Amino acid sequence: MPDYRWSHYLTAPWELIDEWYRAVKFGIRNLCQWFPVIWADRHYTSDGLFKVMRHKLVLMQRELQRDPYYVGADRDLHLMHVCELLLDRYLSNNYSEICHRHHKEKWGDMRSFFEPTYDHSTGDIDPDFCQWFTDWPKATTPKLEEKAKIEMRKCFEQERMLADQDIQYLFKLLSKHHRNWD
């Protein structure tokens, strides 16, 4: 509490009690609201950061819907909702469905399997070491398999690009409008 207010509290002590009561009340409420988010957070992933941001945006939207106390509140509610949707899309991580649909139609479902290594000089099979192979049912020749691998890499690049694009748009919205959301 600032020192300059103590003289006021000497003349009106009930306000000090009221201020402490509100601090404890809202502190307990915040603990209850934030406990599930903090409990599930792991420090080695960036998902925790985005879950915290999403939760904060949801709480801000709820408060602003309850009491839209300024002129641009509807616009800010919409922008907060867009940010929430971007975070939901990023956290659900469903970009692969969009990217791999055409590849799956063209080449079929990818099959991955391990085979033990074969030593060509001795002709022995070494069961302790395995190689990982990937193929597609419609890629029948080595040339077609190579083409399917190249297209699969492009799918992975597109998947990453879509996720990065959502995060860049999220931070663009936040950097442009965060001062209005006080």
C-alpha atoms as a PDB file:
ATOM      1  CA  MET A   1       0.000   0.000   0.000  1.00  0.00           C
ATOM      2  CA  PRO A   2       1.356   3.464  -0.770  1.00  0.00           C
ATOM      3  CA  ASP A   3       2.516   5.503   2.239  1.00  0.00           C
ATOM      4  CA  TYR A   4       0.541   8.590   1.279  1.00  0.00           C
ATOM      5  CA  ARG A   5      -2.733   6.770   1.921  1.00  0.00           C
ATOM      6  CA  TRP A   6      -2.072   5.885   5.564  1.00  0.00           C
ATOM      7  CA  SER A   7      -3.287   9.242   6.767  1.00  0.00           C
ATOM      8  CA  HIS A   8      -6.567   8.600   4.963  1.00  0.00           C
ATOM      9  CA  TYR A   9      -6.910   5.190   6.629  1.00  0.00           C
ATOM     10  CA  LEU A  10      -6.406   6.740  10.056  1.00  0.00           C
ATOM     11  CA  THR A  11      -9.529   8.802   9.510  1.00  0.00           C
ATOM     12  CA  ALA A  12     -11.450   6.027   7.698  1.00  0.00           C
ATOM     13  CA  PRO A  13     -10.218   2.617   9.020  1.00  0.00           C
ATOM     14  CA  TRP A  14     -13.199   0.739   7.542  1.00  0.00           C
ATOM     15  CA  GLU A  15     -11.775   1.396   4.066  1.00  0.00           C
ATOM     16  CA  LEU A  16      -8.552  -0.375   5.022  1.00  0.00           C
ATOM     17  CA  ILE A  17     -10.550  -3.378   6.198  1.00  0.00           C
ATOM     18  CA  ASP A  18     -12.605  -3.271   3.000  1.00  0.00           C
ATOM     19  CA  GLU A  19      -9.447  -3.122   0.870  1.00  0.00           C
ATOM     20  CA  TRP A  20      -7.877  -6.101   2.651  1.00  0.00           C
ATOM     21  CA  TYR A  21     -11.123  -8.043   2.383  1.00  0.00           C
ATOM     22  CA  ARG A  22     -11.288  -7.432  -1.381  1.00  0.00           C
ATOM     23  CA  ALA A  23      -7.626  -8.381  -1.806  1.00  0.00           C
ATOM     24  CA  VAL A  24      -8.151 -11.717  -0.035  1.00  0.00           C
ATOM     25  CA  LYS A  25     -11.455 -12.387  -1.811  1.00  0.00           C
ATOM     26  CA  PHE A  26     -10.090 -11.748  -5.301  1.00  0.00           C
ATOM     27  CA  GLY A  27      -6.832 -13.529  -4.491  1.00  0.00           C
ATOM     28  CA  ILE A  28      -8.704 -16.702  -3.551  1.00  0.00           C
ATOM     29  CA  ARG A  29     -10.881 -16.364  -6.648  1.00  0.00           C
ATOM     30  CA  ASN A  30      -7.770 -16.014  -8.838  1.00  0.00           C
ATOM     31  CA  LEU A  31      -6.184 -19.078  -7.232  1.00  0.00           C
ATOM     32  CA  CYS A  32      -9.285 -21.123  -8.007  1.00  0.00           C
ATOM     33  CA  GLN A  33      -9.499 -19.850 -11.592  1.00  0.00           C
ATOM     34  CA  TRP A  34      -5.810 -20.306 -12.415  1.00  0.00           C
ATOM     35  CA  PHE A  35      -5.080 -23.539 -10.520  1.00  0.00           C
ATOM     36  CA  PRO A  36      -6.002 -25.966 -13.370  1.00  0.00           C
ATOM     37  CA  VAL A  37      -3.927 -24.021 -15.897  1.00  0.00           C
ATOM     38  CA  ILE A  38      -0.851 -23.746 -13.678  1.00  0.00           C
ATOM     39  CA  TRP A  39      -1.141 -27.348 -12.470  1.00  0.00           C
ATOM     40  CA  ALA A  40      -1.080 -28.700 -16.040  1.00  0.00           C
ATOM     41  CA  ASP A  41       1.833 -26.474 -17.107  1.00  0.00           C
ATOM     42  CA  ARG A  42       5.148 -28.115 -17.921  1.00  0.00           C
ATOM     43  CA  HIS A  43       8.180 -25.858 -18.143  1.00  0.00           C
ATOM     44  CA  TYR A  44       9.731 -27.637 -21.109  1.00  0.00           C
ATOM     45  CA  THR A  45       6.968 -26.891 -23.620  1.00  0.00           C
ATOM     46  CA  SER A  46       5.716 -23.723 -25.238  1.00  0.00           C
ATOM     47  CA  ASP A  47       2.138 -24.992 -25.013  1.00  0.00           C
ATOM     48  CA  GLY A  48       1.997 -23.824 -21.400  1.00  0.00           C
ATOM     49  CA  LEU A  49       2.655 -20.248 -22.478  1.00  0.00           C
ATOM     50  CA  PHE A  50      -0.133 -20.399 -25.042  1.00  0.00           C
ATOM     51  CA  LYS A  51      -2.543 -22.040 -22.567  1.00  0.00           C
ATOM     52  CA  VAL A  52      -1.891 -19.252 -20.076  1.00  0.00           C
ATOM     53  CA  MET A  53      -2.476 -16.650 -22.794  1.00  0.00           C
ATOM     54  CA  ARG A  54      -5.693 -18.348 -23.849  1.00  0.00           C
ATOM     55  CA  HIS A  55      -6.982 -18.551 -20.288  1.00  0.00           C
ATOM     56  CA  LYS A  56      -6.195 -14.880 -19.688  1.00  0.00           C
ATOM     57  CA  LEU A  57      -8.011 -13.896 -22.884  1.00  0.00           C
ATOM     58  CA  VAL A  58     -11.069 -15.927 -21.851  1.00  0.00           C
ATOM     59  CA  LEU A  59     -11.146 -14.232 -18.445  1.00  0.00           C
ATOM     60  CA  MET A  60     -10.740 -10.792 -20.027  1.00  0.00           C
ATOM     61  CA  GLN A  61     -13.561 -11.512 -22.483  1.00  0.00           C
ATOM     62  CA  ARG A  62     -15.835 -12.689 -19.686  1.00  0.00           C
ATOM     63  CA  GLU A  63     -15.195  -9.506 -17.698  1.00  0.00           C
ATOM     64  CA  LEU A  64     -15.646  -7.259 -20.731  1.00  0.00           C
ATOM     65  CA  GLN A  65     -18.892  -8.991 -21.727  1.00  0.00           C
ATOM     66  CA  ARG A  66     -20.200  -8.509 -18.215  1.00  0.00           C
ATOM     67  CA  ASP A  67     -19.316  -4.816 -18.140  1.00  0.00           C
ATOM     68  CA  PRO A  68     -18.467  -3.190 -21.514  1.00  0.00           C
ATOM     69  CA  TYR A  69     -17.373   0.097 -19.977  1.00  0.00           C
ATOM     70  CA  TYR A  70     -15.955   1.863 -23.056  1.00  0.00           C
ATOM     71  CA  VAL A  71     -16.902   2.634 -26.632  1.00  0.00           C
ATOM     72  CA  GLY A  72     -14.652   0.144 -28.487  1.00  0.00           C
ATOM     73  CA  ALA A  73     -15.507  -2.815 -26.238  1.00  0.00           C
ATOM     74  CA  ASP A  74     -17.370  -4.764 -28.956  1.00  0.00           C
ATOM     75  CA  ARG A  75     -14.424  -4.500 -31.345  1.00  0.00           C
ATOM     76  CA  ASP A  76     -11.992  -5.545 -28.623  1.00  0.00           C
ATOM     77  CA  LEU A  77     -14.213  -8.492 -27.685  1.00  0.00           C
ATOM     78  CA  HIS A  78     -14.136  -9.607 -31.307  1.00  0.00           C
ATOM     79  CA  LEU A  79     -10.333  -9.271 -31.490  1.00  0.00           C
ATOM     80  CA  MET A  80      -9.916 -11.196 -28.234  1.00  0.00           C
ATOM     81  CA  HIS A  81     -12.157 -13.915 -29.632  1.00  0.00           C
ATOM     82  CA  VAL A  82     -10.056 -14.102 -32.813  1.00  0.00           C
ATOM     83  CA  CYS A  83      -6.925 -14.457 -30.657  1.00  0.00           C
ATOM     84  CA  GLU A  84      -8.637 -17.188 -28.649  1.00  0.00           C
ATOM     85  CA  LEU A  85      -9.557 -19.046 -31.853  1.00  0.00           C
ATOM     86  CA  LEU A  86      -5.989 -18.784 -33.130  1.00  0.00           C
ATOM     87  CA  LEU A  87      -4.688 -20.188 -29.858  1.00  0.00           C
ATOM     88  CA  ASP A  88      -7.264 -22.998 -29.913  1.00  0.00           C
ATOM     89  CA  ARG A  89      -6.274 -23.918 -33.454  1.00  0.00           C
ATOM     90  CA  TYR A  90      -2.576 -23.872 -32.580  1.00  0.00           C
ATOM     91  CA  LEU A  91      -3.038 -25.923 -29.405  1.00  0.00           C
ATOM     92  CA  SER A  92      -5.227 -28.537 -31.125  1.00  0.00           C
ATOM     93  CA  ASN A  93      -2.433 -29.078 -33.682  1.00  0.00           C
ATOM     94  CA  ASN A  94      -4.728 -30.274 -36.488  1.00  0.00           C
ATOM     95  CA  TYR A  95      -2.682 -28.797 -39.295  1.00  0.00           C
ATOM     96  CA  SER A  96      -1.602 -32.228 -40.529  1.00  0.00           C
ATOM     97  CA  GLU A  97      -5.145 -33.196 -41.544  1.00  0.00           C
ATOM     98  CA  ILE A  98      -5.331 -30.262 -43.923  1.00  0.00           C
ATOM     99  CA  CYS A  99      -1.873 -30.799 -45.369  1.00  0.00           C
ATOM    100  CA  HIS A 100      -1.832 -34.574 -45.728  1.00  0.00           C
ATOM    101  CA  ARG A 101      -5.319 -35.127 -47.172  1.00  0.00           C
ATOM    102  CA  HIS A 102      -4.217 -34.705 -50.818  1.00  0.00           C
ATOM    103  CA  HIS A 103      -1.054 -36.770 -50.247  1.00  0.00           C
ATOM    104  CA  LYS A 104      -3.102 -39.592 -48.744  1.00  0.00           C
ATOM    105  CA  GLU A 105      -5.523 -39.560 -51.680  1.00  0.00           C
ATOM    106  CA  LYS A 106      -2.674 -39.636 -54.183  1.00  0.00           C
ATOM    107  CA  TRP A 107      -0.329 -42.177 -52.557  1.00  0.00           C
ATOM    108  CA  GLY A 108      -2.472 -44.011 -49.976  1.00  0.00           C
ATOM    109  CA  ASP A 109      -1.829 -44.377 -46.248  1.00  0.00           C
ATOM    110  CA  MET A 110       1.812 -44.216 -45.266  1.00  0.00           C
ATOM    111  CA  ARG A 111       3.186 -47.456 -43.851  1.00  0.00           C
ATOM    112  CA  SER A 112       6.196 -47.447 -41.552  1.00  0.00           C
ATOM    113  CA  PHE A 113       8.013 -50.537 -40.387  1.00  0.00           C
ATOM    114  CA  PHE A 114      11.335 -51.695 -38.975  1.00  0.00           C
ATOM    115  CA  GLU A 115      13.462 -54.409 -40.510  1.00  0.00           C
ATOM    116  CA  PRO A 116      16.611 -55.939 -39.084  1.00  0.00           C
ATOM    117  CA  THR A 117      19.782 -54.823 -40.796  1.00  0.00           C
ATOM    118  CA  TYR A 118      21.442 -57.096 -43.287  1.00  0.00           C
ATOM    119  CA  ASP A 119      25.226 -57.263 -43.559  1.00  0.00           C
ATOM    120  CA  HIS A 120      26.028 -57.632 -47.270  1.00  0.00           C
ATOM    121  CA  SER A 121      29.639 -58.727 -46.702  1.00  0.00           C
ATOM    122  CA  THR A 122      28.835 -61.691 -44.433  1.00  0.00           C
ATOM    123  CA  GLY A 123      25.195 -62.275 -45.356  1.00  0.00           C
ATOM    124  CA  ASP A 124      24.141 -62.228 -41.694  1.00  0.00           C
ATOM    125  CA  ILE A 125      21.047 -60.573 -40.253  1.00  0.00           C
ATOM    126  CA  ASP A 126      21.709 -58.489 -37.149  1.00  0.00           C
ATOM    127  CA  PRO A 127      18.541 -58.506 -34.996  1.00  0.00           C
ATOM    128  CA  ASP A 128      19.967 -55.902 -32.592  1.00  0.00           C
ATOM    129  CA  PHE A 129      19.970 -53.142 -35.200  1.00  0.00           C
ATOM    130  CA  CYS A 130      16.971 -52.205 -37.279  1.00  0.00           C
ATOM    131  CA  GLN A 131      16.308 -49.833 -40.135  1.00  0.00           C
ATOM    132  CA  TRP A 132      13.161 -47.803 -40.431  1.00  0.00           C
ATOM    133  CA  PHE A 133      11.403 -47.969 -43.782  1.00  0.00           C
ATOM    134  CA  THR A 134       8.472 -45.978 -45.074  1.00  0.00           C
ATOM    135  CA  ASP A 135       6.446 -46.698 -48.140  1.00  0.00           C
ATOM    136  CA  TRP A 136       3.103 -45.963 -49.742  1.00  0.00           C
ATOM    137  CA  PRO A 137       0.825 -48.494 -51.462  1.00  0.00           C
ATOM    138  CA  LYS A 138       0.540 -46.514 -54.698  1.00  0.00           C
ATOM    139  CA  ALA A 139       4.283 -45.791 -54.958  1.00  0.00           C
ATOM    140  CA  THR A 140       5.300 -48.980 -56.728  1.00  0.00           C
ATOM    141  CA  THR A 141       8.708 -48.010 -58.117  1.00  0.00           C
ATOM    142  CA  PRO A 142      11.732 -46.412 -56.420  1.00  0.00           C
ATOM    143  CA  LYS A 143      11.222 -43.282 -58.521  1.00  0.00           C
ATOM    144  CA  LEU A 144       7.608 -42.967 -57.347  1.00  0.00           C
ATOM    145  CA  GLU A 145       8.682 -43.615 -53.743  1.00  0.00           C
ATOM    146  CA  GLU A 146      11.189 -40.773 -53.970  1.00  0.00           C
ATOM    147  CA  LYS A 147       8.497 -38.496 -55.388  1.00  0.00           C
ATOM    148  CA  ALA A 148       6.143 -39.453 -52.538  1.00  0.00           C
ATOM    149  CA  LYS A 149       8.886 -38.687 -49.978  1.00  0.00           C
ATOM    150  CA  ILE A 150       9.509 -35.268 -51.513  1.00  0.00           C
ATOM    151  CA  GLU A 151       5.790 -34.490 -51.456  1.00  0.00           C
ATOM    152  CA  MET A 152       5.575 -35.688 -47.849  1.00  0.00           C
ATOM    153  CA  ARG A 153       8.394 -33.289 -46.882  1.00  0.00           C
ATOM    154  CA  LYS A 154       6.454 -30.485 -48.573  1.00  0.00           C
ATOM    155  CA  CYS A 155       3.395 -31.458 -46.524  1.00  0.00           C
ATOM    156  CA  PHE A 156       5.452 -31.204 -43.327  1.00  0.00           C
ATOM    157  CA  GLU A 157       6.784 -27.800 -44.415  1.00  0.00           C
ATOM    158  CA  GLN A 158       3.266 -26.580 -45.170  1.00  0.00           C
ATOM    159  CA  GLU A 159       2.055 -27.862 -41.799  1.00  0.00           C
ATOM    160  CA  ARG A 160       4.779 -25.921 -40.007  1.00  0.00           C
ATOM    161  CA  MET A 161       4.134 -22.834 -42.141  1.00  0.00           C
ATOM    162  CA  LEU A 162       0.423 -22.836 -41.214  1.00  0.00           C
ATOM    163  CA  ALA A 163       1.211 -23.084 -37.499  1.00  0.00           C
ATOM    164  CA  ASP A 164       3.796 -20.298 -37.753  1.00  0.00           C
ATOM    165  CA  GLN A 165       1.340 -18.162 -39.708  1.00  0.00           C
ATOM    166  CA  ASP A 166      -1.291 -18.484 -36.964  1.00  0.00           C
ATOM    167  CA  ILE A 167       1.214 -17.546 -34.252  1.00  0.00           C
ATOM    168  CA  GLN A 168       2.499 -14.577 -36.254  1.00  0.00           C
ATOM    169  CA  TYR A 169      -1.049 -13.312 -36.772  1.00  0.00           C
ATOM    170  CA  LEU A 170      -1.788 -13.793 -33.060  1.00  0.00           C
ATOM    171  CA  PHE A 171       1.224 -11.743 -32.019  1.00  0.00           C
ATOM    172  CA  LYS A 172       0.449  -9.120 -34.644  1.00  0.00           C
ATOM    173  CA  LEU A 173      -3.030  -8.679 -33.165  1.00  0.00           C
ATOM    174  CA  LEU A 174      -1.666  -8.625 -29.629  1.00  0.00           C
ATOM    175  CA  SER A 175       1.061  -6.105 -30.416  1.00  0.00           C
ATOM    176  CA  LYS A 176      -1.374  -3.817 -32.197  1.00  0.00           C
ATOM    177  CA  HIS A 177      -4.287  -3.895 -29.734  1.00  0.00           C
ATOM    178  CA  HIS A 178      -2.981  -4.909 -26.284  1.00  0.00           C
ATOM    179  CA  ARG A 179      -2.939  -1.315 -24.990  1.00  0.00           C
ATOM    180  CA  ASN A 180      -6.688  -1.017 -25.568  1.00  0.00           C
ATOM    181  CA  TRP A 181      -7.378  -4.077 -23.399  1.00  0.00           C
ATOM    182  CA  ASP A 182      -6.404  -2.498 -20.064  1.00  0.00           C
END
